[in-house]
Amino acid sequence: MIIFLYGPDTFRSRQKINEIIINYRKAHPSGLSLKYFEGRHLSIKKLKDELRQTTMFKEKKLLVLNDVFSNAQLKKELLKEKEFLTNIKHILVFYEPGEITKKNALFSFLKKKGRCQEFKPLKGSSLQNWIKKETENLGAAIEQKALNKLVDYVGNDLWQMMNEIRKLTSFKAQGTISAKDVELLVRPKIESHIFQTIDALVSKNKKRALKLIKNHLIKGDHPLYLFSMINFQFRNLLMVKDLDRKNLPFLNLPLHPFVVKKSRQLCNKFEFWELKKIYQKIFEIDQKLKTGKITPEAALDLLVAEI
């Protein structure tokens, strides 16, 4: 069986993959026949060898293939093995996060032979209904004005939206979320600007890093919040670099695909041990900050100086 999941709404497509995996594990508790493969490292030989191998339990296998469309050679090889793929008795999940080119032979083959689901970004009433449902699932309600403001602040990025919903429902503790609650706890996305700042730090461009940090502060970002975001993103760099060097899949990371993509680009500028050393410095500064030895503003200055 071939399952083909694709589209830019990676939050809901990731939920679908998790649903497939949970159902599979209920039927096959050993978990020995569940495998993940990153398309960038996969060859047709490796895939065929895995499908042909039998386990001691003779279970139906579930293979999740992430981002196959990024591997031009693999796409050509897969098209030469149409008959083999069509007749497999195992479950093969092709997961393509983000936008993909639909005008190619592999896309047409998967659409024709597989169980397909496209995940388009939610908008309008569909987005609002999704927010209401997730809020109710966490034991709270949300006013219409708050709902409108939340959509204005976050848009249809369900990764950030879910984080904000968790934050708001935790704050209200089974109450009703108001527009004032949204104004207090939610801020417009700054990830793209954060990555510019981190890129400057990574490149050891201290002048640019200080300028970008100053811009954040002028816009109203609190120094403590800014430091915590930089700390968080460097932790992500360390996790992504570790998986990349071990050729392990990124699907298990609780990170937005955009964050994984940007992190991989920045990771290329470092060896793993260098990132560990930087993160250790950040940890030491964070300890000084938490014990009141330095102010948030001083922590940012020290961060730039140390890195």
Protein backbone atom coordinates (compact mmCIF):
# COMPACT_ATOMS: atom_id res chain seq x y z
CA MET A 1 0.00 0.00 0.00
CA ILE A 2 1.21 3.50 -0.88
CA ILE A 3 0.12 6.53 1.17
CA PHE A 4 0.98 9.97 -0.21
CA LEU A 5 0.75 12.99 2.12
CA TYR A 6 1.74 16.41 0.83
CA GLY A 7 1.06 20.12 1.06
CA PRO A 8 2.19 23.28 2.87
CA ASP A 9 0.13 22.71 6.04
CA THR A 10 2.80 20.62 7.72
CA PHE A 11 1.14 20.71 11.14
CA ARG A 12 -1.93 18.74 10.04
CA SER A 13 0.09 16.45 7.75
CA ARG A 14 2.40 15.64 10.68
CA GLN A 15 -0.68 14.90 12.77
CA LYS A 16 -1.84 12.51 10.05
CA ILE A 17 1.50 10.66 10.05
CA ASN A 18 1.34 10.33 13.84
CA GLU A 19 -2.18 8.95 13.53
CA ILE A 20 -1.00 6.33 10.99
CA ILE A 21 1.92 5.37 13.24
CA ILE A 22 -0.27 5.08 16.36
CA ASN A 23 -2.74 2.82 14.55
CA TYR A 24 0.11 0.72 13.15
CA ARG A 25 1.67 0.27 16.60
CA LYS A 26 -1.65 -0.91 18.00
CA ALA A 27 -1.62 -3.71 15.42
CA HIS A 28 2.16 -4.33 15.67
CA PRO A 29 3.27 -3.58 19.26
CA SER A 30 6.88 -4.73 18.70
CA GLY A 31 7.61 -1.63 16.60
CA LEU A 32 10.47 -3.48 14.92
CA SER A 33 8.96 -3.08 11.45
CA LEU A 34 8.50 0.69 11.64
CA LYS A 35 11.30 2.60 9.89
CA TYR A 36 11.96 6.23 8.94
CA PHE A 37 14.06 7.34 5.97
CA GLU A 38 15.23 10.81 4.95
CA GLY A 39 14.89 11.18 1.17
CA ARG A 40 18.19 13.03 0.90
CA HIS A 41 20.10 9.91 2.09
CA LEU A 42 17.95 7.22 0.48
CA SER A 43 18.71 5.06 -2.58
CA ILE A 44 16.40 2.67 -4.40
CA LYS A 45 18.69 -0.23 -3.45
CA LYS A 46 18.43 0.58 0.26
CA LEU A 47 14.64 0.88 -0.02
CA LYS A 48 14.23 -2.41 -1.93
CA ASP A 49 16.55 -4.26 0.46
CA GLU A 50 14.50 -3.05 3.41
CA LEU A 51 11.21 -4.08 1.79
CA ARG A 52 12.52 -7.54 0.89
CA GLN A 53 13.85 -8.33 4.35
CA THR A 54 11.55 -10.38 6.56
CA THR A 55 11.27 -9.99 10.33
CA MET A 56 11.04 -12.80 12.87
CA PHE A 57 7.41 -11.81 13.48
CA LYS A 58 6.60 -11.66 9.74
CA GLU A 59 4.85 -8.35 10.27
CA LYS A 60 3.67 -5.94 7.63
CA LYS A 61 6.23 -3.13 7.54
CA LEU A 62 5.54 0.61 7.76
CA LEU A 63 8.20 2.72 6.06
CA VAL A 64 7.96 6.52 6.25
CA LEU A 65 9.90 8.31 3.50
CA ASN A 66 10.43 11.99 4.21
CA ASP A 67 11.14 14.54 1.45
CA VAL A 68 11.82 12.12 -1.42
CA PHE A 69 11.18 14.88 -3.97
CA SER A 70 14.38 16.65 -2.89
CA ASN A 71 16.45 13.73 -4.23
CA ALA A 72 16.48 13.95 -8.05
CA GLN A 73 18.32 10.63 -8.48
CA LEU A 74 15.92 8.77 -6.22
CA LYS A 75 12.92 10.14 -8.11
CA LYS A 76 14.31 8.72 -11.36
CA GLU A 77 15.03 5.37 -9.70
CA LEU A 78 11.54 5.14 -8.21
CA LEU A 79 9.93 5.67 -11.61
CA LYS A 80 11.91 2.71 -12.97
CA GLU A 81 10.46 0.53 -10.21
CA LYS A 82 6.75 1.26 -10.69
CA GLU A 83 5.79 -2.41 -10.88
CA PHE A 84 7.77 -3.27 -7.75
CA LEU A 85 6.21 -0.40 -5.77
CA THR A 86 2.71 -1.21 -6.98
CA ASN A 87 2.92 -4.83 -5.80
CA ILE A 88 4.49 -4.38 -2.35
CA LYS A 89 2.57 -5.90 0.56
CA HIS A 90 3.91 -3.41 3.08
CA ILE A 91 2.87 0.20 3.85
CA LEU A 92 4.95 2.89 2.21
CA VAL A 93 4.24 6.49 3.31
CA PHE A 94 5.60 9.27 1.10
CA TYR A 95 5.63 12.45 3.18
CA GLU A 96 6.33 15.69 1.32
CA PRO A 97 6.23 18.76 3.59
CA GLY A 98 5.70 22.16 1.99
CA GLU A 99 5.02 23.00 -1.62
CA ILE A 100 6.05 20.48 -4.26
CA THR A 101 6.05 20.50 -8.06
CA LYS A 102 2.97 18.66 -9.22
CA LYS A 103 3.94 18.54 -12.88
CA ASN A 104 6.23 15.53 -12.77
CA ALA A 105 5.91 11.80 -13.37
CA LEU A 106 6.49 10.67 -9.76
CA PHE A 107 3.74 12.96 -8.46
CA SER A 108 1.33 11.57 -11.07
CA PHE A 109 2.28 7.98 -10.20
CA LEU A 110 1.77 8.48 -6.46
CA LYS A 111 -1.54 10.25 -7.04
CA LYS A 112 -2.75 7.39 -9.24
CA LYS A 113 -1.50 4.43 -7.19
CA GLY A 114 -1.58 5.75 -3.63
CA ARG A 115 -4.06 6.91 -1.04
CA CYS A 116 -3.46 10.64 -1.26
CA GLN A 117 -4.23 13.58 0.97
CA GLU A 118 -3.26 17.17 0.30
CA PHE A 119 -2.94 19.57 3.21
CA LYS A 120 -3.68 23.12 2.12
CA PRO A 121 -3.39 26.03 4.58
CA LEU A 122 -6.61 26.67 6.49
CA LYS A 123 -8.28 30.04 6.08
CA GLY A 124 -11.48 31.88 6.89
CA SER A 125 -14.12 29.90 8.77
CA SER A 126 -12.13 26.65 8.45
CA LEU A 127 -9.23 28.20 10.36
CA GLN A 128 -11.51 29.68 13.02
CA ASN A 129 -13.36 26.39 13.49
CA TRP A 130 -10.02 24.59 13.89
CA ILE A 131 -8.94 27.06 16.60
CA LYS A 132 -12.26 26.70 18.44
CA LYS A 133 -12.01 22.90 18.35
CA GLU A 134 -8.43 22.81 19.63
CA THR A 135 -9.29 25.33 22.36
CA GLU A 136 -12.26 23.23 23.47
CA ASN A 137 -10.12 20.07 23.43
CA LEU A 138 -7.91 21.78 26.03
CA GLY A 139 -10.89 22.63 28.22
CA ALA A 140 -11.42 26.32 27.42
CA ALA A 141 -13.54 28.59 25.23
CA ILE A 142 -12.65 31.68 23.20
CA GLU A 143 -14.60 34.88 22.48
CA GLN A 144 -15.10 35.88 18.84
CA LYS A 145 -13.11 39.10 19.30
CA ALA A 146 -10.25 37.11 20.81
CA LEU A 147 -10.47 34.62 17.96
CA ASN A 148 -10.27 37.41 15.37
CA LYS A 149 -7.28 38.98 17.12
CA LEU A 150 -5.51 35.63 17.42
CA VAL A 151 -5.88 35.08 13.68
CA ASP A 152 -4.60 38.63 13.02
CA TYR A 153 -1.54 38.03 15.20
CA VAL A 154 -0.62 34.51 14.08
CA GLY A 155 -2.26 33.91 10.70
CA ASN A 156 -2.58 30.30 9.55
CA ASP A 157 0.72 28.99 10.87
CA LEU A 158 -0.78 26.14 12.90
CA TRP A 159 2.54 25.35 14.59
CA GLN A 160 2.65 28.75 16.27
CA MET A 161 -1.13 28.82 16.63
CA MET A 162 -1.12 25.58 18.63
CA ASN A 163 1.63 26.93 20.90
CA GLU A 164 -0.40 30.09 21.51
CA ILE A 165 -3.59 28.09 22.17
CA ARG A 166 -1.77 25.98 24.77
CA LYS A 167 -0.40 29.12 26.39
CA LEU A 168 -3.81 30.82 26.47
CA THR A 169 -5.75 27.80 27.74
CA SER A 170 -3.17 27.24 30.46
CA PHE A 171 -3.51 30.89 31.50
CA LYS A 172 -7.31 30.81 31.60
CA ALA A 173 -7.54 27.40 33.32
CA GLN A 174 -10.84 26.27 31.76
CA GLY A 175 -12.23 29.80 31.42
CA THR A 176 -13.06 31.91 28.37
CA ILE A 177 -10.21 33.53 26.47
CA SER A 178 -10.74 37.25 25.86
CA ALA A 179 -9.19 39.71 23.43
CA LYS A 180 -7.23 41.21 26.34
CA ASP A 181 -5.75 37.79 27.06
CA VAL A 182 -4.53 37.54 23.47
CA GLU A 183 -3.02 41.04 23.63
CA LEU A 184 -1.25 40.14 26.88
CA LEU A 185 0.15 36.73 25.97
CA VAL A 186 0.51 36.57 22.19
CA ARG A 187 2.91 38.51 20.06
CA PRO A 188 3.31 38.53 16.27
CA LYS A 189 5.87 36.08 14.90
CA ILE A 190 9.51 37.16 15.03
CA GLU A 191 11.15 33.86 14.02
CA SER A 192 12.42 35.19 10.68
CA HIS A 193 14.02 38.17 12.42
CA ILE A 194 15.45 35.91 15.11
CA PHE A 195 17.16 33.82 12.44
CA GLN A 196 18.74 36.98 10.98
CA THR A 197 20.11 37.78 14.43
CA ILE A 198 21.37 34.23 14.96
CA ASP A 199 22.93 34.22 11.48
CA ALA A 200 24.87 37.34 12.45
CA LEU A 201 25.99 35.67 15.70
CA VAL A 202 26.97 32.49 13.86
CA SER A 203 28.95 34.52 11.33
CA LYS A 204 30.66 36.33 14.24
CA ASN A 205 29.45 39.62 12.79
CA LYS A 206 29.14 41.31 16.19
CA LYS A 207 28.37 44.73 14.78
CA ARG A 208 25.37 43.42 12.81
CA ALA A 209 24.27 41.21 15.72
CA LEU A 210 24.22 44.18 18.11
CA LYS A 211 22.31 46.27 15.55
CA LEU A 212 19.67 43.56 15.07
CA ILE A 213 19.30 43.08 18.83
CA LYS A 214 18.85 46.82 19.20
CA ASN A 215 16.12 46.71 16.52
CA HIS A 216 14.30 43.99 18.48
CA LEU A 217 14.42 46.10 21.63
CA ILE A 218 13.20 49.22 19.80
CA LYS A 219 10.23 47.21 18.48
CA GLY A 220 9.31 46.33 22.05
CA ASP A 221 10.74 42.81 22.43
CA HIS A 222 11.73 42.35 26.07
CA PRO A 223 15.45 41.54 26.59
CA LEU A 224 14.56 38.43 28.60
CA TYR A 225 12.23 37.18 25.87
CA LEU A 226 14.87 37.87 23.21
CA PHE A 227 17.58 36.02 25.15
CA SER A 228 15.25 33.05 25.69
CA MET A 229 14.48 32.92 21.95
CA ILE A 230 18.18 32.94 21.03
CA ASN A 231 18.82 30.26 23.67
CA PHE A 232 15.95 28.18 22.27
CA GLN A 233 17.16 28.49 18.67
CA PHE A 234 20.74 27.50 19.49
CA ARG A 235 19.36 24.45 21.27
CA ASN A 236 17.49 23.63 18.06
CA LEU A 237 20.72 24.01 16.07
CA LEU A 238 22.40 21.51 18.37
CA MET A 239 19.57 18.96 18.01
CA VAL A 240 19.39 19.32 14.22
CA LYS A 241 23.17 19.08 13.82
CA ASP A 242 23.25 15.93 15.96
CA LEU A 243 20.57 14.21 13.86
CA ASP A 244 22.13 15.39 10.60
CA ARG A 245 25.56 13.98 11.43
CA LYS A 246 23.97 10.65 12.44
CA ASN A 247 21.79 10.55 9.29
CA LEU A 248 18.68 10.24 11.47
CA PRO A 249 15.20 11.56 10.48
CA PHE A 250 13.98 14.98 11.58
CA LEU A 251 10.34 13.89 11.78
CA ASN A 252 10.56 13.19 15.51
CA LEU A 253 11.71 16.73 16.31
CA PRO A 254 8.88 18.91 17.68
CA LEU A 255 9.95 21.71 15.35
CA HIS A 256 8.32 23.55 12.46
CA PRO A 257 9.81 22.37 9.13
CA PHE A 258 10.80 26.00 8.47
CA VAL A 259 12.84 25.97 11.68
CA VAL A 260 14.48 22.66 10.70
CA LYS A 261 15.33 23.99 7.23
CA LYS A 262 16.83 27.25 8.53
CA SER A 263 18.68 25.40 11.28
CA ARG A 264 20.27 23.00 8.79
CA GLN A 265 21.52 25.93 6.74
CA LEU A 266 23.11 27.53 9.80
CA CYS A 267 24.49 24.21 11.08
CA ASN A 268 26.67 23.88 8.01
CA LYS A 269 28.86 26.67 9.39
CA PHE A 270 29.80 24.64 12.46
CA GLU A 271 31.19 21.33 13.62
CA PHE A 272 29.09 19.60 16.27
CA TRP A 273 31.67 20.24 19.01
CA GLU A 274 31.68 23.96 18.19
CA LEU A 275 27.91 24.18 18.64
CA LYS A 276 28.17 22.30 21.94
CA LYS A 277 30.79 24.81 23.13
CA ILE A 278 28.60 27.79 22.16
CA TYR A 279 25.53 26.29 23.80
CA GLN A 280 27.54 25.71 26.97
CA LYS A 281 28.45 29.40 27.01
CA ILE A 282 24.79 30.34 26.56
CA PHE A 283 23.88 27.99 29.42
CA GLU A 284 26.44 29.66 31.71
CA ILE A 285 25.08 33.13 30.85
CA ASP A 286 21.54 31.85 31.43
CA GLN A 287 22.53 30.62 34.91
CA LYS A 288 23.94 34.05 35.78
CA LEU A 289 20.72 35.61 34.52
CA LYS A 290 18.50 33.30 36.58
CA THR A 291 20.52 33.85 39.75
CA GLY A 292 20.33 37.64 39.35
CA LYS A 293 24.06 38.11 38.79
CA ILE A 294 23.42 40.00 35.52
CA THR A 295 20.51 41.84 33.93
CA PRO A 296 18.79 40.65 30.71
CA GLU A 297 20.41 43.55 28.82
CA ALA A 298 23.86 42.56 30.12
CA ALA A 299 23.14 38.93 29.21
CA LEU A 300 22.56 39.92 25.58
CA ASP A 301 25.78 41.96 25.48
CA LEU A 302 27.74 39.10 27.05
CA LEU A 303 26.20 36.65 24.60
CA VAL A 304 27.44 38.65 21.63
CA ALA A 305 30.89 39.10 23.19
CA GLU A 306 31.29 35.40 24.10
CA ILE A 307 30.13 33.99 20.74
